Amino acid sequence: MATKKSSVVTIVLLSLFFWGPAFSADVPAEQPSAGPEPPAVPAKDRLDFEQIIATAKKRVFPALVFVKPIREEFGSGEKRRAEIFGSGVIISPDGLVVTNHHVAEKAVEINCVLYNKEQVKAEIVGLDKETDLALLRLKLPKDAPALPFGEFADSDKVTEGQFVMALGSPFGFKRSISLGIIMNADRYLGFESLHKYNTWIQTDAIINPGNSGGPLVNTEGKIVGINTLSVMIGGLGFSIPSNVVKDIVRRLQQDGKVVRAWTGLRLQALKDFNSNTFIEGDSGVLIAGVEDNSPAQLAGLQAGDVLLTVGGIEYVGKYVEQLPKLYWQLADIPPDREIDITYRRRDQIAYTKLSLTLKGKFEGEDFDCRRWNMTVKEISKFANPDLHFYQQKGLFVRAVRYPGNAAKAGIRRNDIILKIGDTLGQMKQIDTLSDIEKIYQQIIADEDREKKVLLEVLRKGLPRLIVLDYRKDYDEED
């Protein structure tokens, strides 16, 4: 994870600890047989394993990059610049670097420290928030020598029990390495919005804050994943499989972004052990939900239908680990094109046609209303579905500064801004970021006006009027 601002993962671990069999004063617990002593590992074999690890490290360690972005943040109620620390890995001799999206997002400047302790500036080639991947390019002189780079392995061949190494720059330290094994090669974490396009490689190799974007390497010195998430309790680490990384890198190189289609479908496995939902059959996938006004709803699909084929391709979602592949396939369908759908509804086979649209930006842009001591953000149906339910287009309060004028007036985080003005008769509708930028600049530039502004906001579906008094300049007190 990146130091300072890391990916947020909520994983509920339900652990039952037993002290042993039920205690009885009269009947002692049966002791298991110790069994035969395991054979000792010959010293030669231990040395051979250490040599394998050393060789693997030597192949990829020079490609490790310490990433230091300076980025704009809006989460405190005002725009601030902050330097964070993360990791990356060089994947081409001319300086392409893979790291995490949450390391490089909103960066206005990126510096990278190479294996020889040289600091080099980098530029963003492309970002993909939904897989949490970013592609950078080092700004090297034209006559710069070729750089050492890491090679990708085939993550489909990764199996449980294999030894791996997690490389990175934890807590801002320049470089480190931790050794572990693959605990699960195909872990499903159950995200419904972010990260739903891939399963994960789970490892017990320690991934600390600052390791985000660093490589997970096998004993051949090849990259099997990009370190992204960790759970400090229990020492669980999660990496994006290398085959996913390779595909995203190709798309970012080609387009600078990842273009996806939007269906509005939420899928569920036929045999879902978490919810105890079991549907007979070995093919198809359950439609758990359909978004309002989405292509899927317009096609007549409903929650409870079992999706069988899409464009003639059979969909198999018997278990949760198969869902990311299906989401990926749906997102790759060319938009603005009708495609045949076969589904089952109450034991009856039915047919329809689905016309997909481009998904667009996952997350909206930010704006700092600095004198009012609050930041605002565009509503996105993907990143802010709860707010989008009330207002399909517009802005919401991302954060308020404490202490500050907005907080004093009673403005809260996630208030949707409807109108801004002086009186009820002069309120202006706020639909876009440019709307609020324009009216904010006009109000702040007017030195003769009273330092008060009227806002109409929507809070949990209920409109309300708020008078924001901004006579006090909190920046002057800092």
Protein backbone atom coordinates (compact mmCIF):
# COMPACT_ATOMS: atom_id res chain seq x y z
CA MET A 1 0.00 0.00 0.00
CA ALA A 2 1.12 3.55 -0.60
CA THR A 3 2.34 5.45 2.43
CA LYS A 4 -0.04 8.21 3.56
CA LYS A 5 -3.07 7.26 1.46
CA SER A 6 -3.67 3.61 0.84
CA SER A 7 -6.34 1.57 -0.86
CA VAL A 8 -9.13 1.01 1.58
CA VAL A 9 -10.22 -2.61 1.94
CA THR A 10 -12.85 -3.74 4.44
CA ILE A 11 -12.41 -7.43 5.16
CA VAL A 12 -14.31 -8.95 8.07
CA LEU A 13 -12.35 -11.77 9.66
CA LEU A 14 -14.47 -14.01 11.88
CA SER A 15 -12.05 -16.06 13.97
CA LEU A 16 -12.95 -18.70 16.55
CA PHE A 17 -10.20 -19.48 19.03
CA PHE A 18 -10.36 -22.78 20.94
CA TRP A 19 -8.21 -23.54 23.95
CA GLY A 20 -8.60 -27.23 23.17
CA PRO A 21 -11.22 -29.88 23.93
CA ALA A 22 -13.81 -29.24 26.62
CA PHE A 23 -12.02 -29.44 29.96
CA SER A 24 -12.79 -32.37 32.26
CA ALA A 25 -11.07 -32.97 35.58
CA ASP A 26 -11.69 -36.71 35.38
CA VAL A 27 -11.00 -37.53 31.71
CA PRO A 28 -7.72 -36.13 30.38
CA ALA A 29 -7.57 -35.04 26.73
CA GLU A 30 -6.12 -37.65 24.40
CA GLN A 31 -2.66 -36.68 23.22
CA PRO A 32 -1.94 -37.14 19.52
CA SER A 33 0.95 -39.32 18.50
CA ALA A 34 4.06 -37.32 17.71
CA GLY A 35 4.75 -39.42 14.62
CA PRO A 36 8.11 -40.00 13.00
CA GLU A 37 10.70 -37.24 12.89
CA PRO A 38 10.72 -35.42 9.52
CA PRO A 39 13.92 -35.96 7.62
CA ALA A 40 16.52 -33.23 8.01
CA VAL A 41 17.08 -30.97 5.01
CA PRO A 42 20.62 -31.49 3.75
CA ALA A 43 22.84 -28.43 4.02
CA LYS A 44 23.49 -28.60 0.28
CA ASP A 45 19.77 -28.32 -0.50
CA ARG A 46 19.44 -25.34 1.85
CA LEU A 47 22.29 -23.62 0.09
CA ASP A 48 20.74 -24.40 -3.29
CA PHE A 49 17.46 -22.77 -2.21
CA GLU A 50 19.26 -19.68 -0.92
CA GLN A 51 21.07 -19.47 -4.25
CA ILE A 52 17.74 -19.67 -6.13
CA ILE A 53 16.33 -16.79 -4.05
CA ALA A 54 19.50 -14.74 -4.51
CA THR A 55 19.45 -15.27 -8.28
CA ALA A 56 15.77 -14.33 -8.53
CA LYS A 57 16.34 -11.19 -6.49
CA LYS A 58 19.31 -10.21 -8.63
CA ARG A 59 17.20 -10.42 -11.79
CA VAL A 60 14.43 -8.07 -10.67
CA PHE A 61 15.84 -5.98 -7.79
CA PRO A 62 17.55 -3.51 -10.19
CA ALA A 63 14.15 -2.87 -11.83
CA LEU A 64 12.53 -1.83 -8.54
CA VAL A 65 11.60 1.86 -8.37
CA PHE A 66 10.91 4.05 -5.34
CA VAL A 67 7.99 6.28 -6.47
CA LYS A 68 7.47 9.73 -4.88
CA PRO A 69 4.43 11.53 -6.30
CA ILE A 70 3.39 15.02 -5.27
CA ARG A 71 -0.34 15.18 -5.69
CA GLU A 72 -3.34 17.38 -5.07
CA GLU A 73 -5.71 16.19 -2.37
CA PHE A 74 -9.21 17.48 -1.60
CA GLY A 75 -10.23 15.24 1.28
CA SER A 76 -9.51 17.78 4.03
CA GLY A 77 -11.97 20.38 2.76
CA GLU A 78 -9.35 22.31 0.79
CA LYS A 79 -6.88 21.61 -1.99
CA ARG A 80 -3.49 20.63 -0.64
CA ARG A 81 -0.31 19.24 -2.10
CA ALA A 82 1.27 16.27 -0.41
CA GLU A 83 4.14 13.94 -1.20
CA ILE A 84 3.44 10.25 -0.76
CA PHE A 85 5.58 7.16 -1.15
CA GLY A 86 4.97 4.05 -3.18
CA SER A 87 6.74 1.49 -5.31
CA GLY A 88 6.94 0.52 -8.96
CA VAL A 89 8.78 -1.74 -11.33
CA ILE A 90 10.44 -0.98 -14.67
CA ILE A 91 9.02 -3.22 -17.41
CA SER A 92 10.89 -1.99 -20.51
CA PRO A 93 14.47 -0.86 -21.26
CA ASP A 94 13.23 2.61 -22.25
CA GLY A 95 11.68 3.30 -18.85
CA LEU A 96 8.04 2.21 -18.67
CA VAL A 97 7.06 1.74 -15.03
CA VAL A 98 4.05 -0.07 -13.58
CA THR A 99 2.64 1.05 -10.24
CA ASN A 100 -0.77 1.36 -8.57
CA HIS A 101 -3.41 3.91 -9.51
CA HIS A 102 -3.73 4.96 -5.87
CA VAL A 103 -0.01 5.81 -5.90
CA ALA A 104 -0.10 7.99 -9.04
CA GLU A 105 -3.63 9.43 -9.00
CA LYS A 106 -3.95 13.25 -9.01
CA ALA A 107 -0.17 13.57 -9.17
CA VAL A 108 1.13 16.93 -10.41
CA GLU A 109 4.72 15.77 -10.21
CA ILE A 110 6.32 12.33 -9.89
CA ASN A 111 9.91 11.57 -8.95
CA CYS A 112 11.35 8.06 -9.08
CA VAL A 113 14.50 6.80 -7.38
CA LEU A 114 16.23 4.09 -9.43
CA TYR A 115 18.40 1.19 -8.32
CA ASN A 116 21.58 3.35 -8.65
CA LYS A 117 20.00 5.99 -6.34
CA GLU A 118 19.51 8.39 -9.23
CA GLN A 119 16.28 10.41 -9.01
CA VAL A 120 14.40 10.78 -12.31
CA LYS A 121 11.15 12.57 -13.11
CA ALA A 122 8.30 10.54 -14.59
CA GLU A 123 5.11 11.29 -16.48
CA ILE A 124 1.79 9.46 -16.42
CA VAL A 125 1.04 7.41 -19.54
CA GLY A 126 -2.33 6.22 -18.32
CA LEU A 127 -4.41 5.36 -15.25
CA ASP A 128 -7.05 2.74 -14.56
CA LYS A 129 -8.76 3.15 -11.20
CA GLU A 130 -10.93 0.06 -11.54
CA THR A 131 -7.96 -2.31 -11.55
CA ASP A 132 -5.81 0.09 -9.47
CA LEU A 133 -3.03 0.17 -12.06
CA ALA A 134 -1.00 3.02 -13.50
CA LEU A 135 1.63 3.23 -16.22
CA LEU A 136 4.45 5.79 -15.97
CA ARG A 137 7.30 6.71 -18.27
CA LEU A 138 10.65 7.86 -16.90
CA LYS A 139 11.89 11.11 -18.45
CA LEU A 140 15.32 9.95 -19.54
CA PRO A 141 17.92 11.73 -21.68
CA LYS A 142 17.96 10.65 -25.32
CA ASP A 143 21.40 9.07 -24.91
CA ALA A 144 20.47 7.24 -21.70
CA PRO A 145 21.55 3.57 -21.60
CA ALA A 146 18.94 0.82 -21.52
CA LEU A 147 17.53 0.22 -18.08
CA PRO A 148 17.24 -3.12 -16.28
CA PHE A 149 13.64 -4.28 -16.38
CA GLY A 150 11.47 -7.03 -15.00
CA GLU A 151 9.77 -9.71 -17.07
CA PHE A 152 6.24 -10.96 -16.52
CA ALA A 153 5.43 -14.59 -15.78
CA ASP A 154 2.16 -16.32 -16.69
CA SER A 155 0.02 -15.80 -13.58
CA ASP A 156 -2.37 -18.55 -14.71
CA LYS A 157 0.40 -21.02 -13.83
CA VAL A 158 0.82 -19.75 -10.27
CA THR A 159 -0.16 -22.37 -7.69
CA GLU A 160 -0.51 -22.47 -3.91
CA GLY A 161 2.68 -23.22 -2.01
CA GLN A 162 5.08 -21.61 -4.48
CA PHE A 163 7.72 -19.33 -2.98
CA VAL A 164 7.48 -15.64 -3.90
CA MET A 165 9.13 -12.38 -2.92
CA ALA A 166 7.41 -9.02 -2.41
CA LEU A 167 9.62 -6.11 -3.40
CA GLY A 168 8.96 -2.49 -2.59
CA SER A 169 9.68 0.63 -0.54
CA PRO A 170 7.70 0.22 2.70
CA PHE A 171 7.16 3.29 4.90
CA GLY A 172 9.23 5.39 2.50
CA PHE A 173 12.41 3.33 2.89
CA LYS A 174 14.30 2.96 -0.36
CA ARG A 175 13.93 -0.78 -1.00
CA SER A 176 13.17 -4.04 0.77
CA ILE A 177 12.28 -7.63 0.12
CA SER A 178 10.10 -10.13 1.99
CA LEU A 179 9.78 -13.86 1.38
CA GLY A 180 6.64 -15.96 1.55
CA ILE A 181 4.44 -18.41 -0.32
CA ILE A 182 1.33 -18.24 -2.46
CA MET A 183 -1.56 -18.84 -0.07
CA ASN A 184 -4.27 -18.67 -2.75
CA ALA A 185 -3.72 -18.19 -6.46
CA ASP A 186 -7.30 -17.19 -7.31
CA ARG A 187 -8.74 -15.27 -4.36
CA TYR A 188 -12.09 -13.51 -4.83
CA LEU A 189 -12.55 -10.50 -2.55
CA GLY A 190 -16.13 -9.59 -3.46
CA PHE A 191 -15.81 -5.94 -4.50
CA GLU A 192 -18.92 -4.67 -6.29
CA SER A 193 -17.46 -1.53 -7.87
CA LEU A 194 -13.67 -1.23 -7.74
CA HIS A 195 -11.51 -4.23 -8.52
CA LYS A 196 -14.34 -6.40 -9.81
CA TYR A 197 -12.46 -7.32 -12.99
CA ASN A 198 -9.90 -9.66 -11.42
CA THR A 199 -9.28 -12.15 -8.68
CA TRP A 200 -6.15 -11.81 -6.54
CA ILE A 201 -2.97 -13.64 -5.70
CA GLN A 202 -2.90 -13.98 -1.92
CA THR A 203 0.48 -14.29 -0.22
CA ASP A 204 1.97 -14.21 3.27
CA ALA A 205 4.98 -12.28 1.98
CA ILE A 206 4.71 -9.07 3.99
CA ILE A 207 3.24 -6.10 2.08
CA ASN A 208 3.56 -2.95 4.19
CA PRO A 209 2.35 0.62 3.50
CA GLY A 210 4.59 1.94 0.73
CA ASN A 211 4.86 -1.45 -1.00
CA SER A 212 1.97 -0.54 -3.31
CA GLY A 213 2.95 -0.95 -6.94
CA GLY A 214 5.96 -3.13 -6.26
CA PRO A 215 6.37 -6.54 -7.91
CA LEU A 216 5.57 -9.96 -6.52
CA VAL A 217 8.30 -12.19 -7.95
CA ASN A 218 8.67 -15.96 -8.30
CA THR A 219 11.86 -17.97 -7.81
CA GLU A 220 12.72 -17.51 -11.49
CA GLY A 221 12.91 -13.76 -10.97
CA LYS A 222 9.76 -13.05 -12.99
CA ILE A 223 6.83 -10.86 -12.00
CA VAL A 224 3.69 -12.81 -11.09
CA GLY A 225 1.76 -9.84 -9.66
CA ILE A 226 1.72 -6.21 -8.56
CA ASN A 227 1.40 -5.71 -4.79
CA THR A 228 -1.70 -3.70 -3.96
CA LEU A 229 -3.58 -4.59 -0.78
CA SER A 230 -2.75 -5.89 2.64
CA VAL A 231 -4.46 -6.76 5.89
CA MET A 232 -2.14 -5.96 8.78
CA ILE A 233 -3.88 -8.43 11.11
CA GLY A 234 -2.86 -11.87 9.99
CA GLY A 235 -0.24 -10.70 7.49
CA LEU A 236 -2.37 -11.21 4.38
CA GLY A 237 -1.18 -9.59 1.16
CA PHE A 238 -2.91 -9.36 -2.21
CA SER A 239 -1.40 -8.79 -5.64
CA ILE A 240 -2.95 -8.13 -9.05
CA PRO A 241 -2.12 -11.11 -11.31
CA SER A 242 0.49 -10.41 -13.98
CA ASN A 243 -1.80 -11.44 -16.86
CA VAL A 244 -4.26 -8.70 -15.81
CA VAL A 245 -1.37 -6.23 -15.54
CA LYS A 246 -0.08 -7.07 -19.02
CA ASP A 247 -3.49 -6.51 -20.59
CA ILE A 248 -4.05 -3.17 -18.82
CA VAL A 249 -0.53 -1.99 -19.70
CA ARG A 250 -1.21 -2.74 -23.37
CA ARG A 251 -4.43 -0.71 -23.28
CA LEU A 252 -2.84 2.21 -21.45
CA GLN A 253 0.01 2.31 -23.95
CA GLN A 254 -2.45 2.30 -26.81
CA ASP A 255 -5.15 4.70 -25.58
CA GLY A 256 -3.90 6.27 -22.35
CA LYS A 257 -7.00 4.85 -20.64
CA VAL A 258 -9.08 1.69 -20.47
CA VAL A 259 -12.33 1.91 -22.44
CA ARG A 260 -15.16 -0.19 -21.02
CA ALA A 261 -18.79 -0.78 -21.92
CA TRP A 262 -21.55 -0.36 -19.35
CA THR A 263 -24.36 -2.88 -18.93
CA GLY A 264 -25.82 -2.03 -15.52
CA LEU A 265 -25.70 -5.71 -14.50
CA ARG A 266 -24.68 -6.97 -11.08
CA LEU A 267 -23.83 -10.67 -11.13
CA GLN A 268 -23.93 -13.42 -8.52
CA ALA A 269 -22.60 -16.96 -8.64
CA LEU A 270 -25.07 -19.82 -9.02
CA LYS A 271 -23.57 -21.40 -5.93
CA ASP A 272 -22.91 -18.53 -3.52
CA PHE A 273 -21.83 -19.96 -0.19
CA ASN A 274 -21.68 -16.54 1.50
CA SER A 275 -25.38 -15.83 0.97
CA ASN A 276 -26.43 -19.51 0.87
CA THR A 277 -27.90 -19.02 -2.60
CA PHE A 278 -27.83 -22.22 -4.66
CA ILE A 279 -29.28 -22.51 -8.17
CA GLU A 280 -29.23 -25.75 -10.10
CA GLY A 281 -27.07 -25.91 -13.20
CA ASP A 282 -23.44 -25.82 -14.28
CA SER A 283 -23.74 -22.94 -16.77
CA GLY A 284 -25.10 -19.44 -16.64
CA VAL A 285 -24.76 -16.72 -14.02
CA LEU A 286 -27.40 -15.19 -11.75
CA ILE A 287 -28.38 -11.55 -12.33
CA ALA A 288 -28.41 -10.14 -8.79
CA GLY A 289 -29.38 -6.60 -9.76
CA VAL A 290 -30.07 -4.26 -12.67
CA GLU A 291 -29.37 -0.52 -12.48
CA ASP A 292 -32.14 1.93 -13.33
CA ASN A 293 -32.04 3.35 -16.87
CA SER A 294 -29.18 1.02 -17.76
CA PRO A 295 -28.79 -0.91 -21.04
CA ALA A 296 -29.69 -4.12 -19.19
CA GLN A 297 -32.94 -2.64 -17.87
CA LEU A 298 -33.84 -1.30 -21.31
CA ALA A 299 -33.28 -4.82 -22.68
CA GLY A 300 -35.85 -6.17 -20.20
CA LEU A 301 -33.43 -8.08 -17.95
CA GLN A 302 -34.41 -8.41 -14.29
CA ALA A 303 -32.90 -9.47 -10.99
CA GLY A 304 -33.37 -13.21 -10.63
CA ASP A 305 -32.84 -13.98 -14.31
CA VAL A 306 -30.05 -16.40 -15.16
CA LEU A 307 -27.85 -15.06 -17.95
CA LEU A 308 -26.93 -17.94 -20.28
CA THR A 309 -25.22 -16.57 -23.39
CA VAL A 310 -23.99 -13.17 -24.57
CA GLY A 311 -23.28 -12.80 -28.27
CA GLY A 312 -23.34 -16.57 -28.65
CA ILE A 313 -20.74 -17.09 -25.91
CA GLU A 314 -21.78 -19.29 -23.01
CA TYR A 315 -21.42 -17.57 -19.63
CA VAL A 316 -20.37 -19.75 -16.72
CA GLY A 317 -20.57 -18.26 -13.24
CA LYS A 318 -21.07 -21.26 -11.04
CA TYR A 319 -18.64 -20.00 -8.39
CA VAL A 320 -17.61 -16.50 -7.28
CA GLU A 321 -14.08 -16.89 -8.64
CA GLN A 322 -15.57 -16.95 -12.16
CA LEU A 323 -17.38 -13.59 -11.84
CA PRO A 324 -14.44 -11.25 -12.61
CA LYS A 325 -13.88 -12.91 -15.99
CA LEU A 326 -17.56 -12.39 -16.87
CA TYR A 327 -17.46 -8.72 -15.83
CA TRP A 328 -14.35 -8.34 -17.99
CA GLN A 329 -16.09 -9.95 -20.99
CA LEU A 330 -19.13 -7.70 -20.61
CA ALA A 331 -16.94 -4.60 -20.38
CA ASP A 332 -15.11 -5.61 -23.57
CA ILE A 333 -18.26 -5.78 -25.71
CA PRO A 334 -18.09 -3.01 -28.35
CA PRO A 335 -20.53 -0.24 -27.35
CA ASP A 336 -23.34 1.10 -29.53
CA ARG A 337 -23.89 -2.35 -31.00
CA GLU A 338 -26.79 -4.74 -30.46
CA ILE A 339 -25.82 -8.12 -29.12
CA ASP A 340 -27.98 -11.22 -28.65
CA ILE A 341 -28.76 -12.35 -25.11
CA THR A 342 -30.15 -15.68 -23.94
CA TYR A 343 -31.45 -15.95 -20.39
CA ARG A 344 -33.68 -18.08 -18.20
CA ARG A 345 -36.60 -16.67 -16.22
CA ARG A 346 -38.64 -19.00 -14.02
CA ASP A 347 -37.57 -22.10 -15.97
CA GLN A 348 -38.42 -20.47 -19.34
CA ILE A 349 -35.73 -19.68 -21.92
CA ALA A 350 -36.02 -16.13 -23.28
CA TYR A 351 -34.14 -13.94 -25.76
CA THR A 352 -33.43 -10.23 -26.04
CA LYS A 353 -30.95 -7.79 -27.56
CA LEU A 354 -28.60 -5.63 -25.50
CA SER A 355 -27.25 -2.26 -26.73
CA LEU A 356 -24.32 -1.18 -24.57
CA THR A 357 -22.94 2.31 -24.03
CA LEU A 358 -19.50 3.55 -23.05
CA LYS A 359 -18.93 3.56 -19.33
CA GLY A 360 -17.22 6.93 -19.25
CA LYS A 361 -15.21 8.26 -16.32
CA PHE A 362 -15.38 6.21 -13.16
CA GLU A 363 -14.84 9.20 -10.89
CA GLY A 364 -15.64 12.91 -11.19
CA GLU A 365 -13.31 15.90 -10.91
CA ASP A 366 -12.78 18.07 -7.81
CA PHE A 367 -12.91 21.81 -7.13
CA ASP A 368 -11.72 23.77 -4.11
CA CYS A 369 -14.08 26.48 -2.81
CA ARG A 370 -11.24 27.66 -0.62
CA ARG A 371 -12.75 30.77 0.97
CA TRP A 372 -15.86 28.77 1.84
CA ASN A 373 -13.61 26.04 3.30
CA MET A 374 -15.09 23.12 1.38
CA THR A 375 -14.30 21.01 -1.65
CA VAL A 376 -16.86 19.76 -4.18
CA LYS A 377 -16.87 16.87 -6.62
CA GLU A 378 -18.83 15.71 -9.66
CA ILE A 379 -21.41 13.00 -9.02
CA SER A 380 -20.59 9.69 -10.70
CA LYS A 381 -23.03 6.82 -10.99
CA PHE A 382 -20.11 4.43 -10.59
CA ALA A 383 -18.14 6.02 -7.74
CA ASN A 384 -21.11 7.62 -5.92
CA PRO A 385 -24.15 5.39 -6.57
CA ASP A 386 -25.93 6.48 -3.37
CA LEU A 387 -25.79 10.14 -4.40
CA HIS A 388 -26.57 9.33 -8.03
CA PHE A 389 -29.82 7.76 -6.85
CA TYR A 390 -31.02 11.23 -5.78
CA GLN A 391 -29.31 13.36 -8.46
CA GLN A 392 -28.05 11.93 -11.73
CA LYS A 393 -26.10 15.04 -12.65
CA GLY A 394 -24.47 17.62 -10.45
CA LEU A 395 -22.02 18.18 -7.62
CA PHE A 396 -21.71 17.17 -4.00
CA VAL A 397 -19.67 18.35 -1.05
CA ARG A 398 -16.66 16.09 -0.87
CA ALA A 399 -15.28 17.47 2.40
CA VAL A 400 -15.45 20.47 4.74
CA ARG A 401 -12.57 21.97 6.65
CA TYR A 402 -12.63 22.05 10.45
CA PRO A 403 -12.72 24.76 11.64
CA GLY A 404 -14.11 26.59 8.62
CA ASN A 405 -16.98 28.63 7.23
CA ALA A 406 -18.81 25.70 5.59
CA ALA A 407 -18.66 23.61 8.75
CA LYS A 408 -19.86 26.55 10.86
CA ALA A 409 -22.82 27.06 8.50
CA GLY A 410 -23.84 23.42 8.89
CA ILE A 411 -22.82 22.16 5.46
CA ARG A 412 -21.99 18.47 5.56
CA ARG A 413 -20.04 15.98 3.53
CA ASN A 414 -22.18 14.43 0.73
CA ASP A 415 -24.63 17.33 0.58
CA ILE A 416 -25.70 17.63 -3.06
CA ILE A 417 -25.48 21.25 -4.26
CA LEU A 418 -28.60 22.29 -6.19
CA LYS A 419 -28.42 26.09 -6.38
CA ILE A 420 -26.21 28.98 -5.26
CA GLY A 421 -27.12 32.65 -5.04
CA ASP A 422 -28.01 35.70 -2.94
CA THR A 423 -31.77 35.46 -2.60
CA LEU A 424 -34.44 32.94 -3.52
CA GLY A 425 -35.16 34.89 -6.70
CA GLN A 426 -31.51 34.94 -7.80
CA MET A 427 -30.48 31.36 -7.22
CA LYS A 428 -28.48 29.74 -10.04
CA GLN A 429 -28.78 26.06 -10.90
CA ILE A 430 -25.56 24.08 -10.40
CA ASP A 431 -25.19 21.16 -12.82
CA THR A 432 -21.50 21.04 -13.75
CA LEU A 433 -18.10 21.78 -12.31
CA SER A 434 -17.79 24.81 -14.58
CA ASP A 435 -21.07 26.15 -13.15
CA ILE A 436 -19.73 26.28 -9.62
CA GLU A 437 -16.28 27.47 -10.70
CA LYS A 438 -17.86 30.42 -12.52
CA ILE A 439 -20.25 31.51 -9.78
CA TYR A 440 -17.66 30.98 -7.04
CA GLN A 441 -15.10 33.17 -8.82
CA GLN A 442 -17.72 35.87 -9.45
CA ILE A 443 -18.82 35.94 -5.80
CA ILE A 444 -15.29 35.94 -4.38
CA ALA A 445 -14.14 38.67 -6.80
CA ASP A 446 -16.98 41.01 -5.74
CA GLU A 447 -15.43 42.95 -2.87
CA ASP A 448 -18.52 45.14 -2.36
CA ARG A 449 -20.98 42.33 -1.70
CA GLU A 450 -21.90 41.07 1.73
CA LYS A 451 -19.76 38.07 2.59
CA LYS A 452 -22.69 35.68 2.68
CA VAL A 453 -24.05 33.24 0.12
CA LEU A 454 -27.21 31.12 0.01
CA LEU A 455 -26.97 27.45 -0.92
CA GLU A 456 -29.77 25.03 -1.66
CA VAL A 457 -28.60 21.48 -0.98
CA LEU A 458 -30.14 18.03 -1.03
CA ARG A 459 -29.38 15.97 2.07
CA LYS A 460 -30.57 12.36 2.07
CA GLY A 461 -33.28 13.27 -0.42
CA LEU A 462 -34.55 16.34 1.45
CA PRO A 463 -33.85 19.89 0.17
CA ARG A 464 -32.74 22.60 2.57
CA LEU A 465 -31.44 26.19 2.43
CA ILE A 466 -28.16 27.11 4.13
CA VAL A 467 -26.67 30.58 4.61
CA LEU A 468 -22.88 30.40 4.39
CA ASP A 469 -21.16 33.33 6.09
CA TYR A 470 -17.58 33.58 4.83
CA ARG A 471 -16.50 36.87 6.42
CA LYS A 472 -13.83 35.05 8.39
CA ASP A 473 -10.71 34.12 6.41
CA TYR A 474 -9.30 31.00 8.03
CA ASP A 475 -6.24 31.04 5.75
CA GLU A 476 -5.08 34.29 7.36
CA GLU A 477 -5.04 32.55 10.74
CA ASP A 478 -2.81 29.69 9.58
